[in-house]
């Protein structure tokens, strides 16, 4: 009877050691890159016609913005394992300060938005000018980040 109990104890110990090892064999979700599917303006405002000079030096769209004008970007994260949930960060950067940070009390020129997305599925984020104070003329940027890695950048000009 003592051999039976010791054999059972060895089996239980072996199973307890094997279960955490099996759980660690799955790789942690990792975003390798993002595919930019679309980006552009919508809502009120007037598009700026592209001159030859503008075409030579700028690839981004330009708009005379109004309250309600929106710039959007749709991306599809690529990585492994397919379908795993990851957190991406969208950073909307203005050419000059657009407001005061409520935490620090200092002027800020960026708006940060986080979203949990699935690898392989498209996700769309947008920034809408909600007030006249936010409409800052110049070249804006939207960046998509995964952790400390910048994965995509799009520029758009407000005139």
Protein backbone atom coordinates (compact mmCIF):
# COMPACT_ATOMS: atom_id res chain seq x y z
CA UNK A 1 0.00 0.00 0.00
CA UNK A 2 2.89 2.41 0.66
CA UNK A 3 4.20 1.89 -2.86
CA UNK A 4 0.81 2.88 -4.25
CA UNK A 5 0.70 6.13 -2.28
CA UNK A 6 4.23 7.09 -3.18
CA UNK A 7 3.54 6.38 -6.85
CA UNK A 8 0.41 8.55 -6.65
CA UNK A 9 2.38 11.34 -4.97
CA UNK A 10 5.03 11.18 -7.74
CA UNK A 11 2.29 11.34 -10.42
CA UNK A 12 0.63 14.34 -8.74
CA UNK A 13 3.99 16.12 -8.42
CA UNK A 14 4.76 15.39 -12.08
CA UNK A 15 1.36 16.74 -13.19
CA UNK A 16 1.76 19.90 -11.10
CA UNK A 17 5.15 20.53 -12.67
CA UNK A 18 3.89 19.81 -16.21
CA UNK A 19 0.84 22.10 -16.11
CA UNK A 20 2.76 25.42 -15.67
CA UNK A 21 5.29 24.32 -18.30
CA UNK A 22 2.49 23.62 -20.79
CA UNK A 23 0.92 27.02 -20.12
CA UNK A 24 4.23 28.76 -20.90
CA UNK A 25 4.63 27.16 -24.33
CA UNK A 26 2.16 29.60 -25.91
CA UNK A 27 3.96 32.73 -27.09
CA UNK A 28 2.94 36.09 -25.68
CA UNK A 29 0.88 38.14 -28.16
CA UNK A 30 3.15 40.39 -30.20
CA UNK A 31 2.35 42.96 -32.86
CA UNK A 32 5.01 42.90 -35.58
CA UNK A 33 3.52 45.66 -37.76
CA UNK A 34 0.29 47.34 -38.75
CA UNK A 35 -1.22 47.61 -42.20
CA UNK A 36 -2.71 51.05 -42.78
CA UNK A 37 -5.95 50.35 -44.61
CA UNK A 38 -7.27 53.91 -44.88
CA UNK A 39 -6.83 57.43 -43.57
CA UNK A 40 -8.45 60.74 -44.38
CA UNK A 41 -10.89 63.51 -43.51
CA UNK A 42 -14.64 63.51 -43.11
CA UNK A 43 -17.25 65.96 -41.92
CA UNK A 44 -17.51 69.70 -42.51
CA UNK A 45 -14.64 71.70 -43.92
CA UNK A 46 -13.07 72.47 -47.25
CA UNK A 47 -10.32 70.44 -48.88
CA UNK A 48 -7.23 72.35 -49.99
CA UNK A 49 -6.41 71.79 -53.65
CA UNK A 50 -2.94 70.34 -54.18
CA UNK A 51 -0.62 72.58 -56.15
CA UNK A 52 2.49 71.30 -57.92
CA UNK A 53 4.68 72.61 -55.13
CA UNK A 54 2.50 70.96 -52.48
CA UNK A 55 2.55 67.66 -54.40
CA UNK A 56 6.35 67.77 -54.54
CA UNK A 57 6.83 68.27 -50.79
CA UNK A 58 3.77 66.86 -49.04
CA UNK A 59 1.93 63.57 -49.37
CA UNK A 60 -0.61 64.25 -46.63
CA UNK A 61 -4.09 65.65 -47.21
CA UNK A 62 -4.91 69.26 -46.29
CA UNK A 63 -8.17 70.73 -45.06
CA UNK A 64 -9.56 74.03 -43.90
CA UNK A 65 -11.09 72.59 -40.74
CA UNK A 66 -14.25 73.53 -38.87
CA UNK A 67 -15.75 72.25 -35.64
CA UNK A 68 -16.84 68.69 -36.46
CA UNK A 69 -14.09 67.98 -39.01
CA UNK A 70 -12.64 64.55 -38.35
CA UNK A 71 -9.41 62.80 -39.34
CA UNK A 72 -9.60 59.00 -39.21
CA UNK A 73 -7.18 56.10 -39.61
CA UNK A 74 -7.96 52.41 -40.05
CA UNK A 75 -5.24 49.84 -39.33
CA UNK A 76 -4.94 46.06 -39.15
CA UNK A 77 -2.34 44.77 -36.66
CA UNK A 78 -0.13 41.93 -37.90
CA UNK A 79 1.63 39.52 -35.56
CA UNK A 80 1.12 36.33 -33.65
CA UNK A 81 -0.83 34.52 -32.52
CA UNK A 82 -3.63 35.52 -34.87
CA UNK A 83 -6.73 36.70 -32.99
CA UNK A 84 -4.91 37.49 -29.74
CA UNK A 85 -5.86 40.67 -27.89
CA UNK A 86 -3.25 43.44 -27.73
CA UNK A 87 -3.30 47.08 -26.67
CA UNK A 88 -2.47 49.74 -29.25
CA UNK A 89 -2.02 53.43 -28.51
CA UNK A 90 -3.06 56.23 -30.87
CA UNK A 91 -1.26 59.54 -30.32
CA UNK A 92 -2.68 62.63 -32.07
CA UNK A 93 0.07 65.32 -32.12
CA UNK A 94 -0.73 68.96 -32.84
CA UNK A 95 1.85 71.44 -34.20
CA UNK A 96 1.32 73.71 -31.15
CA UNK A 97 -0.32 73.30 -27.73
CA UNK A 98 -4.07 72.66 -27.92
CA UNK A 99 -4.99 72.70 -24.26
CA UNK A 100 -3.97 72.14 -20.65
CA UNK A 101 -3.26 68.64 -19.28
CA UNK A 102 -5.64 68.05 -16.36
CA UNK A 103 -3.05 65.92 -14.49
CA UNK A 104 0.02 68.17 -14.78
CA UNK A 105 -1.53 71.59 -15.42
CA UNK A 106 0.92 72.14 -18.29
CA UNK A 107 0.18 72.92 -21.92
CA UNK A 108 -0.14 69.80 -24.04
CA UNK A 109 0.04 69.19 -27.75
CA UNK A 110 -1.03 65.56 -27.86
CA UNK A 111 -4.10 63.45 -27.23
CA UNK A 112 -3.56 59.79 -26.35
CA UNK A 113 -6.13 57.04 -26.83
CA UNK A 114 -5.66 53.35 -25.98
CA UNK A 115 -7.64 50.48 -27.46
CA UNK A 116 -7.67 46.72 -27.04
CA UNK A 117 -7.72 45.12 -30.49
CA UNK A 118 -7.34 41.64 -31.98
CA UNK A 119 -4.40 40.75 -34.19
CA UNK A 120 -5.61 40.42 -37.77
CA UNK A 121 -8.80 42.49 -37.34
CA UNK A 122 -9.19 46.04 -38.67
CA UNK A 123 -9.75 48.86 -36.19
CA UNK A 124 -10.64 52.49 -36.93
CA UNK A 125 -9.90 55.48 -34.72
CA UNK A 126 -10.62 59.13 -35.37
CA UNK A 127 -10.00 62.58 -33.95
CA UNK A 128 -12.78 65.16 -34.23
CA UNK A 129 -12.27 68.88 -33.70
CA UNK A 130 -14.78 69.48 -30.91
CA UNK A 131 -14.07 73.18 -30.33
CA UNK A 132 -12.56 76.16 -32.13
CA UNK A 133 -9.63 76.12 -29.67
CA UNK A 134 -8.56 72.67 -30.94
CA UNK A 135 -8.29 73.82 -34.56
CA UNK A 136 -4.58 74.60 -34.70
CA UNK A 137 -3.19 75.32 -38.15
CA UNK A 138 -0.18 73.34 -39.26
CA UNK A 139 0.81 69.73 -39.82
CA UNK A 140 -0.72 67.25 -37.39
CA UNK A 141 0.42 63.64 -36.92
CA UNK A 142 -1.34 60.49 -35.83
CA UNK A 143 0.94 57.71 -34.59
CA UNK A 144 0.07 54.10 -33.72
CA UNK A 145 2.20 52.55 -30.97
CA UNK A 146 2.55 49.08 -29.46
CA UNK A 147 4.45 49.43 -26.19
CA UNK A 148 7.58 51.46 -26.98
CA UNK A 149 7.45 50.76 -30.76
CA UNK A 150 5.93 53.22 -33.22
CA UNK A 151 4.23 51.18 -35.93
CA UNK A 152 2.60 53.76 -38.21
CA UNK A 153 2.50 57.52 -38.81
CA UNK A 154 0.18 59.63 -40.96
CA UNK A 155 0.35 63.38 -41.36
CA UNK A 156 -2.48 65.75 -42.18
CA UNK A 157 -2.42 69.51 -42.64
CA UNK A 158 -4.91 71.98 -41.21
CA UNK A 159 -5.01 75.33 -43.05
